[in-house]
Amino acid sequence: MKTRLKINGIIIVLAVLLTVAFPAVFMRHDSVGLGEEILEILGITSILLGQVIRVSSRGYKSEHSSQGAVLIQGGPYALVRNPMYLGIFLIGLGIVLVLFNWWVICLFLLAFVSRYLLLIPKEEKKLSAMFPVDYPAYKRNVPRILPSLPAVLRKDVSEYLPIKPPWLKKEIGSISAVLLFTLLMESWEDIKNEGWATYKEEALTIIVTIILFIALLIYLSKRTNSVRKHDSNKSKTH
């Protein structure tokens, strides 16, 4: 197992242990209201978007450069240089928004910045040595981890986030685990504090959000397949 994955695993385990040991300190216990509903929907949306970016990034990289011998500059890597880290950031931020007190966002940002500000420069140094001509130009034109709004709006989302069923199938376990864990924790707190009757409306909103997420996946998958067929036909004609 890579050292990076080991360190990330240790950080996650420590965060879970602290939460379990001191739930009253870290977890949000507000009554169900408009403000909390907005935070939860934003959080779930952030988790789902982060998962889409993560699936697209991993799948695109494995298909175009499984051994790291090619500098990838298309798909999600045309949006930011580190799309997988962007996906991790959105997933983590979403979990915090759904479950934790607002000040935990500060702890999350501090942990994320400390972790990846140390990691990314090392990776960039390695890439600069591997691709001395291409990487400096790529680095100048594409932001490190947060995309610019003009870049996001310039093209169709399917060009930045291609999705293929095999990629999604490979990651569906982790997607389901993160989402179900977060929803179960959040639902337990709301039902315990407010009861089933109050929770029903909130549950409906969450279901609608997940349905929209599934619709986005279907759209991205169909667009990716359409582009692949177009490129295949174009290459045959030449």
Protein backbone atom coordinates (compact mmCIF):
# COMPACT_ATOMS: atom_id res chain seq x y z
CA MET A 1 0.00 0.00 0.00
CA LYS A 2 1.30 3.46 -0.86
CA THR A 3 2.49 5.65 2.01
CA ARG A 4 0.00 8.33 0.93
CA LEU A 5 -2.91 5.92 1.38
CA LYS A 6 -1.62 4.76 4.75
CA ILE A 7 -1.39 8.34 6.03
CA ASN A 8 -4.87 9.17 4.70
CA GLY A 9 -6.22 6.04 6.41
CA ILE A 10 -4.65 7.02 9.72
CA ILE A 11 -6.13 10.52 9.48
CA ILE A 12 -9.61 9.11 8.77
CA VAL A 13 -9.39 6.61 11.66
CA LEU A 14 -8.29 9.35 14.08
CA ALA A 15 -11.14 11.60 12.95
CA VAL A 16 -13.68 8.80 13.46
CA LEU A 17 -12.29 7.94 16.90
CA LEU A 18 -12.43 11.57 18.04
CA THR A 19 -16.01 11.89 16.79
CA VAL A 20 -17.10 8.70 18.54
CA ALA A 21 -15.35 9.71 21.77
CA PHE A 22 -16.69 13.28 21.83
CA PRO A 23 -19.89 13.40 19.75
CA ALA A 24 -21.35 16.33 21.71
CA VAL A 25 -18.29 18.43 20.88
CA PHE A 26 -18.04 17.77 17.16
CA MET A 27 -21.46 16.77 15.85
CA ARG A 28 -24.31 19.16 15.12
CA HIS A 29 -27.43 18.72 17.27
CA ASP A 30 -29.60 21.59 16.01
CA SER A 31 -33.30 21.06 15.55
CA VAL A 32 -34.47 20.50 11.99
CA GLY A 33 -34.95 23.90 10.33
CA LEU A 34 -34.34 25.75 7.08
CA GLY A 35 -30.73 26.53 7.90
CA GLU A 36 -29.87 22.94 8.74
CA GLU A 37 -31.73 21.63 5.69
CA ILE A 38 -29.75 23.97 3.43
CA LEU A 39 -26.46 22.82 4.99
CA GLU A 40 -27.41 19.18 4.58
CA ILE A 41 -28.43 19.56 0.94
CA LEU A 42 -25.25 21.50 0.18
CA GLY A 43 -23.27 18.81 1.97
CA ILE A 44 -24.90 15.91 0.13
CA THR A 45 -24.47 17.74 -3.18
CA SER A 46 -20.79 18.30 -2.37
CA ILE A 47 -20.31 14.60 -1.52
CA LEU A 48 -21.98 13.46 -4.74
CA LEU A 49 -20.09 15.95 -6.92
CA GLY A 50 -16.83 14.94 -5.26
CA GLN A 51 -17.59 11.30 -6.02
CA VAL A 52 -18.30 12.11 -9.69
CA ILE A 53 -14.98 13.95 -9.98
CA ARG A 54 -13.15 11.12 -8.22
CA VAL A 55 -14.66 8.41 -10.45
CA SER A 56 -13.99 10.40 -13.61
CA SER A 57 -10.41 11.20 -12.59
CA ARG A 58 -9.48 7.64 -11.62
CA GLY A 59 -11.14 6.13 -14.68
CA TYR A 60 -9.68 8.65 -17.12
CA LYS A 61 -6.20 8.22 -15.67
CA SER A 62 -6.34 4.40 -15.73
CA GLU A 63 -7.49 4.44 -19.35
CA HIS A 64 -5.02 7.00 -20.67
CA SER A 65 -1.93 6.45 -18.52
CA SER A 66 -2.16 3.45 -16.22
CA GLN A 67 1.61 3.41 -15.61
CA GLY A 68 2.05 7.18 -15.43
CA ALA A 69 4.11 7.19 -18.64
CA VAL A 70 1.93 9.87 -20.27
CA LEU A 71 1.13 13.36 -19.00
CA ILE A 72 -2.66 13.47 -18.88
CA GLN A 73 -4.12 16.83 -19.87
CA GLY A 74 -7.66 15.94 -20.95
CA GLY A 75 -10.93 15.17 -19.20
CA PRO A 76 -10.95 16.30 -15.55
CA TYR A 77 -7.22 17.02 -15.82
CA ALA A 78 -8.04 19.86 -18.22
CA LEU A 79 -10.01 21.50 -15.41
CA VAL A 80 -7.48 21.18 -12.58
CA ARG A 81 -4.11 19.46 -12.26
CA ASN A 82 -5.21 17.43 -9.24
CA PRO A 83 -8.87 16.49 -9.80
CA MET A 84 -8.74 13.49 -7.45
CA TYR A 85 -7.70 15.76 -4.60
CA LEU A 86 -10.50 18.14 -5.54
CA GLY A 87 -12.90 15.19 -5.31
CA ILE A 88 -11.56 14.23 -1.87
CA PHE A 89 -11.91 17.85 -0.74
CA LEU A 90 -15.56 18.06 -1.83
CA ILE A 91 -16.42 14.70 -0.23
CA GLY A 92 -14.81 15.68 3.08
CA LEU A 93 -16.38 19.14 3.06
CA GLY A 94 -19.78 17.60 2.33
CA ILE A 95 -19.53 15.21 5.27
CA VAL A 96 -18.63 18.10 7.56
CA LEU A 97 -21.56 20.21 6.32
CA VAL A 98 -24.03 17.37 6.87
CA LEU A 99 -22.89 16.11 10.27
CA PHE A 100 -20.65 18.51 12.13
CA ASN A 101 -20.65 21.90 13.83
CA TRP A 102 -19.66 24.82 11.61
CA TRP A 103 -16.29 25.33 13.31
CA VAL A 104 -15.21 21.80 12.29
CA ILE A 105 -14.96 23.21 8.75
CA CYS A 106 -11.94 25.17 9.96
CA LEU A 107 -10.33 21.97 11.30
CA PHE A 108 -11.06 20.17 8.05
CA LEU A 109 -9.58 22.97 5.92
CA LEU A 110 -6.49 23.08 8.15
CA ALA A 111 -6.01 19.31 7.90
CA PHE A 112 -6.58 19.27 4.14
CA VAL A 113 -4.26 22.17 3.40
CA SER A 114 -1.55 20.80 5.71
CA ARG A 115 -1.78 17.35 4.14
CA TYR A 116 -1.88 18.24 0.47
CA LEU A 117 0.28 21.36 0.48
CA LEU A 118 3.08 19.05 1.57
CA LEU A 119 2.17 16.30 -0.88
CA ILE A 120 1.43 18.20 -4.10
CA PRO A 121 4.81 20.01 -4.48
CA LYS A 122 6.61 16.65 -4.25
CA GLU A 123 4.41 15.23 -6.99
CA GLU A 124 4.86 18.33 -9.14
CA LYS A 125 8.62 18.10 -8.80
CA LYS A 126 8.50 14.50 -9.98
CA LEU A 127 6.26 15.37 -12.94
CA SER A 128 8.51 18.26 -13.93
CA ALA A 129 11.44 15.86 -14.10
CA MET A 130 9.43 13.29 -16.11
CA PHE A 131 7.95 15.82 -18.54
CA PRO A 132 10.38 18.78 -18.67
CA VAL A 133 8.73 20.31 -21.75
CA ASP A 134 5.03 19.55 -21.40
CA TYR A 135 4.50 19.89 -17.66
CA PRO A 136 5.65 23.53 -17.20
CA ALA A 137 3.22 24.65 -19.94
CA TYR A 138 0.43 22.52 -18.46
CA LYS A 139 1.18 23.96 -15.02
CA ARG A 140 0.91 27.52 -16.32
CA ASN A 141 -2.44 26.95 -18.02
CA VAL A 142 -4.31 24.73 -15.56
CA PRO A 143 -4.93 25.60 -11.88
CA ARG A 144 -3.61 23.29 -9.18
CA ILE A 145 -6.77 22.21 -7.37
CA LEU A 146 -9.58 24.78 -7.58
CA PRO A 147 -11.03 25.37 -11.07
CA SER A 148 -11.68 28.84 -12.40
CA LEU A 149 -15.30 29.73 -13.14
CA PRO A 150 -14.63 30.80 -16.77
CA ALA A 151 -12.95 27.45 -17.40
CA VAL A 152 -15.92 25.58 -15.94
CA LEU A 153 -18.39 27.48 -18.10
CA ARG A 154 -16.31 27.29 -21.28
CA LYS A 155 -17.27 23.71 -22.19
CA ASP A 156 -19.99 21.15 -21.55
CA VAL A 157 -19.56 19.42 -18.20
CA SER A 158 -19.27 16.05 -19.97
CA GLU A 159 -16.00 17.18 -21.57
CA TYR A 160 -14.46 17.69 -18.14
CA LEU A 161 -16.15 14.78 -16.38
CA PRO A 162 -16.39 11.80 -18.70
CA ILE A 163 -18.01 8.77 -17.05
CA LYS A 164 -18.05 5.17 -18.25
CA PRO A 165 -20.08 2.35 -16.63
CA PRO A 166 -16.95 0.23 -15.88
CA TRP A 167 -15.39 3.17 -14.03
CA LEU A 168 -18.56 3.69 -12.02
CA LYS A 169 -18.96 -0.01 -11.31
CA LYS A 170 -15.45 -0.14 -9.88
CA GLU A 171 -16.14 2.73 -7.45
CA ILE A 172 -19.81 2.10 -6.61
CA GLY A 173 -18.91 0.36 -3.34
CA SER A 174 -17.03 3.31 -1.89
CA ILE A 175 -19.64 5.78 -3.20
CA SER A 176 -22.47 3.85 -1.53
CA ALA A 177 -20.55 3.36 1.72
CA VAL A 178 -19.72 7.05 2.18
CA LEU A 179 -23.21 8.23 1.25
CA LEU A 180 -25.08 5.64 3.32
CA PHE A 181 -22.88 6.19 6.38
CA THR A 182 -23.38 9.95 6.21
CA LEU A 183 -27.14 9.70 5.66
CA LEU A 184 -27.59 7.15 8.45
CA MET A 185 -25.69 9.31 10.93
CA GLU A 186 -27.61 12.42 9.91
CA SER A 187 -30.99 10.64 9.88
CA TRP A 188 -30.43 9.09 13.30
CA GLU A 189 -29.76 12.49 14.87
CA ASP A 190 -32.77 14.14 13.23
CA ILE A 191 -35.20 11.33 14.04
CA LYS A 192 -33.95 11.16 17.62
CA ASN A 193 -34.37 14.92 18.11
CA GLU A 194 -37.46 15.67 16.02
CA GLY A 195 -39.24 12.38 15.27
CA TRP A 196 -40.31 10.76 12.01
CA ALA A 197 -43.00 13.28 11.10
CA THR A 198 -40.57 16.21 10.91
CA TYR A 199 -37.94 14.17 9.14
CA LYS A 200 -40.19 13.09 6.24
CA GLU A 201 -39.97 16.40 4.34
CA GLU A 202 -36.20 16.51 4.73
CA ALA A 203 -35.90 12.89 3.55
CA LEU A 204 -37.89 13.76 0.42
CA THR A 205 -35.49 16.59 -0.41
CA ILE A 206 -32.52 14.25 0.04
CA ILE A 207 -34.11 11.66 -2.25
CA VAL A 208 -34.69 14.29 -4.94
CA THR A 209 -31.04 15.35 -4.67
CA ILE A 210 -29.86 11.75 -5.12
CA ILE A 211 -32.19 11.28 -8.10
CA LEU A 212 -30.70 14.38 -9.73
CA PHE A 213 -27.25 12.94 -9.08
CA ILE A 214 -28.21 9.69 -10.81
CA ALA A 215 -29.60 11.69 -13.73
CA LEU A 216 -26.26 13.54 -13.99
CA LEU A 217 -24.38 10.23 -14.07
CA ILE A 218 -26.64 8.93 -16.83
CA TYR A 219 -26.15 12.14 -18.84
CA LEU A 220 -22.36 12.07 -18.44
CA SER A 221 -22.22 8.39 -19.36
CA LYS A 222 -24.33 8.87 -22.49
CA ARG A 223 -22.35 11.92 -23.58
CA THR A 224 -19.06 10.09 -23.02
CA ASN A 225 -20.28 7.16 -25.11
CA SER A 226 -21.51 9.53 -27.83
CA VAL A 227 -18.17 11.34 -28.01
CA ARG A 228 -16.30 8.01 -28.12
CA LYS A 229 -18.41 6.80 -31.05
CA HIS A 230 -17.95 10.11 -32.88
CA ASP A 231 -14.17 9.97 -32.44
CA SER A 232 -14.13 6.33 -33.56
CA ASN A 233 -16.12 7.09 -36.72
CA LYS A 234 -13.95 10.11 -37.44
CA SER A 235 -10.77 8.08 -37.19
CA LYS A 236 -12.20 5.44 -39.54
CA THR A 237 -12.99 8.05 -42.19
CA HIS A 238 -9.39 9.20 -42.10
